[in-house]
Protein backbone atom coordinates (compact mmCIF):
# COMPACT_ATOMS: atom_id res chain seq x y z
CA UNK A 1 0.19 0.18 0.20
CA UNK A 2 1.14 3.02 -0.75
CA UNK A 3 2.38 5.77 1.97
CA UNK A 4 0.16 8.58 2.25
CA UNK A 5 2.27 12.07 1.79
CA UNK A 6 2.73 14.07 4.99
CA UNK A 7 3.83 12.41 8.41
CA UNK A 8 2.41 11.22 11.93
CA UNK A 9 2.65 13.39 14.61
CA UNK A 10 0.72 12.45 17.86
CA UNK A 11 -1.24 14.83 19.62
CA UNK A 12 -2.68 13.84 23.32
CA UNK A 13 -1.91 10.18 22.68
CA UNK A 14 -3.37 9.92 19.14
CA UNK A 15 -1.27 9.88 15.65
CA UNK A 16 -2.46 12.52 13.40
CA UNK A 17 -1.95 12.62 9.83
CA UNK A 18 -0.20 15.89 8.76
CA UNK A 19 1.02 18.32 5.81
CA UNK A 20 3.29 20.76 5.97
CA UNK A 21 4.03 22.86 2.43
CA UNK A 22 5.34 26.24 1.42
CA UNK A 23 7.43 28.62 3.42
CA UNK A 24 6.28 32.09 5.51
CA UNK A 25 3.43 33.19 8.07
CA UNK A 26 1.52 29.74 8.68
CA UNK A 27 -1.91 28.86 7.51
CA UNK A 28 -3.99 25.90 9.35
CA UNK A 29 -6.63 24.40 6.74
CA UNK A 30 -9.05 22.36 8.31
CA UNK A 31 -12.40 20.60 6.45
CA UNK A 32 -15.87 20.23 7.40
CA UNK A 33 -17.51 16.75 8.52
CA UNK A 34 -15.95 13.68 7.01
CA UNK A 35 -13.75 15.57 5.04
CA UNK A 36 -9.99 15.20 4.48
CA UNK A 37 -6.63 16.95 3.95
CA UNK A 38 -6.62 16.50 0.01
CA UNK A 39 -10.23 18.26 -0.01
CA UNK A 40 -7.62 21.50 -0.18
CA UNK A 41 -5.77 20.41 -2.92
CA UNK A 42 -6.85 23.10 -5.61
CA UNK A 43 -6.14 25.71 -2.71
CA UNK A 44 -2.98 24.45 -1.74
CA UNK A 45 -0.84 25.60 -4.69
CA UNK A 46 -2.54 28.86 -4.50
CA UNK A 47 -0.72 29.09 -0.95
CA UNK A 48 2.60 27.61 -0.90
CA UNK A 49 4.56 30.44 -2.82
CA UNK A 50 3.68 33.05 0.51
CA UNK A 51 2.83 30.77 3.25
CA UNK A 52 3.49 28.13 5.47
CA UNK A 53 0.62 25.56 4.78
CA UNK A 54 -0.37 23.02 7.22
CA UNK A 55 -3.60 20.42 6.74
CA UNK A 56 -4.03 18.10 8.79
CA UNK A 57 -6.78 14.99 9.49
CA UNK A 58 -8.79 15.11 12.91
CA UNK A 59 -9.26 11.92 14.72
CA UNK A 60 -10.73 9.23 12.70
CA UNK A 61 -10.59 10.78 9.63
CA UNK A 62 -8.16 10.56 6.17
CA UNK A 63 -5.60 8.40 7.60
CA UNK A 64 -5.18 9.63 11.44
CA UNK A 65 -6.03 7.65 14.58
CA UNK A 66 -9.23 7.42 16.28
CA UNK A 67 -9.77 9.14 19.51
CA UNK A 68 -10.62 7.99 23.04
CA UNK A 69 -12.34 11.37 23.47
CA UNK A 70 -15.64 12.90 22.07
CA UNK A 71 -14.76 16.48 20.09
CA UNK A 72 -15.46 19.46 21.37
CA UNK A 73 -14.58 22.71 20.54
CA UNK A 74 -11.72 23.34 23.25
CA UNK A 75 -10.24 19.89 22.22
CA UNK A 76 -10.26 20.80 18.83
CA UNK A 77 -9.00 24.47 19.26
CA UNK A 78 -6.01 22.63 21.18
CA UNK A 79 -5.61 19.84 18.47
CA UNK A 80 -4.74 22.60 16.15
CA UNK A 81 -2.12 23.99 18.42
CA UNK A 82 -0.96 20.61 19.13
CA UNK A 83 -0.36 19.82 15.57
CA UNK A 84 1.61 23.27 15.31
CA UNK A 85 3.87 22.09 17.80
CA UNK A 86 4.33 19.09 16.87
CA UNK A 87 5.72 21.07 13.73
CA UNK A 88 7.98 23.59 15.80
CA UNK A 89 5.58 26.34 14.52
CA UNK A 90 5.32 28.36 17.78
CA UNK A 91 4.29 31.54 16.02
CA UNK A 92 0.96 32.98 15.29
CA UNK A 93 -1.28 31.32 12.30
CA UNK A 94 -4.25 32.24 10.38
CA UNK A 95 -6.80 29.34 10.67
CA UNK A 96 -9.07 28.42 8.42
CA UNK A 97 -12.05 26.70 9.00
CA UNK A 98 -14.59 24.81 6.33
CA UNK A 99 -18.24 24.09 7.75
CA UNK A 100 -18.25 22.35 10.53
CA UNK A 101 -14.51 23.14 11.39
CA UNK A 102 -15.05 26.81 11.56
CA UNK A 103 -16.24 26.44 14.86
CA UNK A 104 -12.66 25.03 15.63
CA UNK A 105 -11.01 27.89 13.95
CA UNK A 106 -12.75 30.34 16.36
CA UNK A 107 -12.43 28.01 19.27
CA UNK A 108 -8.73 28.37 18.49
CA UNK A 109 -8.76 32.45 18.30
CA UNK A 110 -11.00 32.70 21.05
CA UNK A 111 -8.61 30.06 23.40
CA UNK A 112 -4.85 30.88 21.68
CA UNK A 113 -5.16 34.42 21.25
CA UNK A 114 -1.48 34.99 21.12
CA UNK A 115 -1.14 32.13 18.78
CA UNK A 116 -3.70 33.66 16.32
CA UNK A 117 -2.58 35.42 13.76
CA UNK A 118 -5.93 35.59 11.36
CA UNK A 119 -9.22 33.72 10.65
CA UNK A 120 -10.94 32.68 7.97
CA UNK A 121 -14.75 30.82 7.76
CA UNK A 122 -15.08 29.31 4.75
CA UNK A 123 -19.03 28.78 4.54
CA UNK A 124 -19.08 27.85 7.98
CA UNK A 125 -21.66 26.03 9.89
CA UNK A 126 -23.64 28.64 11.73
CA UNK A 127 -25.76 27.95 14.98
CA UNK A 128 -26.78 31.79 16.56
CA UNK A 129 -28.53 30.13 19.93
CA UNK A 130 -27.88 26.26 19.80
CA UNK A 131 -28.60 24.03 23.30
CA UNK A 132 -27.42 20.83 23.29
CA UNK A 133 -29.15 17.81 22.93
CA UNK A 134 -29.86 15.93 25.67
CA UNK A 135 -28.63 13.03 27.29
CA UNK A 136 -25.23 13.50 25.87
CA UNK A 137 -23.37 10.68 27.40
CA UNK A 138 -26.10 8.56 26.21
CA UNK A 139 -26.01 10.01 22.18
CA UNK A 140 -22.21 9.18 22.12
CA UNK A 141 -22.51 5.86 23.31
CA UNK A 142 -25.40 5.16 20.71
CA UNK A 143 -23.27 6.83 18.11
CA UNK A 144 -20.25 4.65 19.09
CA UNK A 145 -22.61 1.75 19.02
CA UNK A 146 -23.71 2.77 15.74
CA UNK A 147 -19.82 3.33 14.32
CA UNK A 148 -19.40 -0.29 14.95
CA UNK A 149 -21.96 -1.88 13.72
CA UNK A 150 -21.83 -0.44 10.56
CA UNK A 151 -18.23 -1.44 10.46
CA UNK A 152 -19.21 -5.28 11.52
CA UNK A 153 -21.89 -5.32 8.73
CA UNK A 154 -18.88 -4.18 6.35
CA UNK A 155 -21.14 -1.02 5.27
CA UNK A 156 -17.98 1.44 4.87
CA UNK A 157 -16.21 -0.98 2.49
CA UNK A 158 -19.26 -2.05 0.31
CA UNK A 159 -21.09 2.48 0.34
CA UNK A 160 -18.44 4.17 2.03
CA UNK A 161 -16.84 5.98 -1.36
CA UNK A 162 -19.93 5.73 -3.08
CA UNK A 163 -21.62 8.08 -0.25
CA UNK A 164 -18.49 10.04 -0.40
CA UNK A 165 -18.90 10.79 -4.07
CA UNK A 166 -22.56 11.42 -4.04
CA UNK A 167 -22.01 13.90 -1.33
CA UNK A 168 -19.47 15.67 -3.01
CA UNK A 169 -21.55 15.84 -6.24
CA UNK A 170 -24.68 17.14 -4.38
CA UNK A 171 -22.44 19.97 -1.97
CA UNK A 172 -20.31 21.44 -5.07
CA UNK A 173 -20.74 22.41 -8.39
CA UNK A 174 -18.34 20.43 -10.06
CA UNK A 175 -20.65 17.33 -9.93
CA UNK A 176 -17.80 15.31 -9.86
CA UNK A 177 -15.15 14.27 -7.06
CA UNK A 178 -11.69 15.05 -8.16
CA UNK A 179 -10.32 12.42 -5.49
CA UNK A 180 -8.66 9.11 -7.00
CA UNK A 181 -10.72 6.37 -6.42
CA UNK A 182 -7.94 4.17 -4.49
CA UNK A 183 -7.77 7.39 -1.89
CA UNK A 184 -11.48 6.86 -1.61
CA UNK A 185 -11.20 3.57 -0.82
CA UNK A 186 -8.35 3.52 1.72
CA UNK A 187 -10.35 6.93 3.55
CA UNK A 188 -14.23 6.34 3.10
CA UNK A 189 -14.11 2.31 3.04
CA UNK A 190 -12.60 2.10 6.46
CA UNK A 191 -14.80 1.83 9.57
CA UNK A 192 -12.59 4.40 11.12
CA UNK A 193 -13.45 7.17 8.75
CA UNK A 194 -17.30 5.85 9.14
CA UNK A 195 -17.54 6.11 13.29
CA UNK A 196 -15.63 9.44 13.20
CA UNK A 197 -18.43 10.91 11.35
CA UNK A 198 -20.68 9.64 13.11
CA UNK A 199 -19.20 10.76 16.52
CA UNK A 200 -18.61 14.24 15.07
CA UNK A 201 -22.34 14.29 13.43
CA UNK A 202 -23.43 13.04 17.51
CA UNK A 203 -21.62 15.53 18.95
CA UNK A 204 -22.35 18.89 16.57
CA UNK A 205 -25.31 20.72 18.68
CA UNK A 206 -22.85 20.45 21.83
CA UNK A 207 -19.47 21.78 20.07
CA UNK A 208 -21.92 24.50 18.86
CA UNK A 209 -23.41 25.36 22.15
CA UNK A 210 -19.68 25.05 23.55
CA UNK A 211 -18.49 28.15 21.09
CA UNK A 212 -21.46 30.45 22.01
CA UNK A 213 -20.73 29.84 25.69
CA UNK A 214 -16.60 30.72 24.75
CA UNK A 215 -18.17 33.89 22.66
CA UNK A 216 -19.38 35.34 26.17
CA UNK A 217 -15.86 34.42 28.12
CA UNK A 218 -13.29 34.79 25.41
CA UNK A 219 -13.00 37.93 23.44
CA UNK A 220 -11.54 37.25 20.01
CA UNK A 221 -8.45 38.72 19.57
CA UNK A 222 -7.77 42.18 17.27
CA UNK A 223 -6.91 40.28 14.16
CA UNK A 224 -8.24 40.23 10.75
CA UNK A 225 -11.21 37.60 10.30
CA UNK A 226 -13.04 36.93 6.78
CA UNK A 227 -16.43 35.08 6.68
CA UNK A 228 -17.11 33.75 3.12
CA UNK A 229 -20.15 32.04 2.06
CA UNK A 230 -21.38 30.53 -0.86
CA UNK A 231 -24.14 31.48 -3.16
CA UNK A 232 -25.91 28.97 -6.21
CA UNK A 233 -26.68 32.52 -7.12
CA UNK A 234 -30.58 31.27 -7.93
CA UNK A 235 -32.29 33.64 -5.56
CA UNK A 236 -33.86 30.62 -3.42
CA UNK A 237 -35.47 31.49 0.14
CA UNK A 238 -32.56 28.77 1.54
CA UNK A 239 -30.10 30.81 0.03
CA UNK A 240 -31.42 34.25 0.86
CA UNK A 241 -31.46 32.71 4.67
CA UNK A 242 -28.16 31.19 4.48
CA UNK A 243 -26.45 34.32 2.77
CA UNK A 244 -28.64 36.27 5.68
CA UNK A 245 -27.30 34.04 8.42
CA UNK A 246 -23.66 34.42 7.20
CA UNK A 247 -23.99 37.63 7.32
CA UNK A 248 -24.66 38.31 10.83
CA UNK A 249 -21.95 35.86 11.49
CA UNK A 250 -19.87 38.28 9.85
CA UNK A 251 -21.25 41.22 11.92
CA UNK A 252 -21.24 39.18 15.12
CA UNK A 253 -17.04 38.39 14.26
CA UNK A 254 -16.19 41.94 13.08
CA UNK A 255 -15.42 40.23 9.91
CA UNK A 256 -15.36 40.93 6.28
CA UNK A 257 -17.78 39.43 4.74
CA UNK A 258 -18.14 37.93 1.42
CA UNK A 259 -20.65 36.08 -0.95
CA UNK A 260 -18.69 33.66 -3.49
CA UNK A 261 -20.92 32.70 -6.16
CA UNK A 262 -21.70 30.09 -8.37
CA UNK A 263 -20.63 27.68 -6.01
CA UNK A 264 -21.59 24.93 -3.61
CA UNK A 265 -20.91 24.35 -0.28
CA UNK A 266 -17.31 23.17 -1.18
CA UNK A 267 -15.64 26.14 -1.43
CA UNK A 268 -12.19 24.95 -1.96
CA UNK A 269 -13.33 22.94 -4.62
CA UNK A 270 -15.79 25.21 -6.78
CA UNK A 271 -13.95 28.49 -5.77
CA UNK A 272 -10.30 27.69 -4.59
CA UNK A 273 -8.94 30.84 -5.59
CA UNK A 274 -11.34 33.13 -3.85
CA UNK A 275 -10.51 30.69 -0.63
CA UNK A 276 -7.00 31.86 -1.24
CA UNK A 277 -7.33 35.35 -1.52
CA UNK A 278 -9.27 35.70 1.64
CA UNK A 279 -6.40 33.48 3.05
CA UNK A 280 -3.91 35.69 2.13
CA UNK A 281 -6.13 38.74 2.66
CA UNK A 282 -5.30 37.71 6.21
CA UNK A 283 -2.33 39.18 7.17
CA UNK A 284 -0.37 38.10 9.88
CA UNK A 285 0.43 40.87 12.90
CA UNK A 286 2.63 39.20 14.40
CA UNK A 287 5.92 36.95 12.75
CA UNK A 288 5.47 33.70 12.10
CA UNK A 289 8.00 31.04 11.84
CA UNK A 290 8.96 30.36 8.86
CA UNK A 291 11.31 27.30 9.67
CA UNK A 292 9.21 24.44 8.41
CA UNK A 293 10.92 22.36 5.96
CA UNK A 294 8.85 22.82 2.45
CA UNK A 295 7.10 18.90 2.03
CA UNK A 296 7.20 17.86 6.12
């Protein structure tokens, strides 16, 4: 089996798959629910001449090991910090979060302000007033049980890559998934990835509620923030409502707001230049550590 690019680093006892490329100020790219490092492939070539670009797979996703601990906003923020520490990049970084990972990027900025140079939210998840669903521990245990059951039934191997391709076609204007078949089989044919997706989904509202609490307790540092919102341009009620929610998020964070059209939810696939431009526009306010070796 071909070795995946990048390397494995251990953060909080979990081996994570990490790639670091380029040179200059650091930016960290983190994808949404169930996404892998390779989903940023169209964006990275537009950044590596100007930035040290760090990508990693959250626990259970891509080629990373599973974690015994369920996801939390603080835990994911600390994980980003741990990845940077493992790479020897202690200086401030621009954190880029897509979809669900927008929660993690904002949490990182609030919990690690001294390490934050800027924030870019790419069609990020928005929950204005979430309340955690009841029985959190029971829901977590049920998600783990479902993960074990679908793995034992062989469903990830049989259906995982197909479900991934259907999801990309439904959320991208490309209508095709650029990821190679072999890579999708190795990732989405794995019960490990299926279990991680089920667990992240089960804890979604808990993470959102945790972030709302952080907003009241931990202010954002005085760094540039950008909010990108995807628009098909069809003017539907759903699209207008989504753009309005993204606009309100930008106002809450005192962020620059940009509608990117035409584009689906997977902005990094549909409009990689718009994502790269937003990252490059977020100028670090302090010197970063550019010492990471390209391609490590």
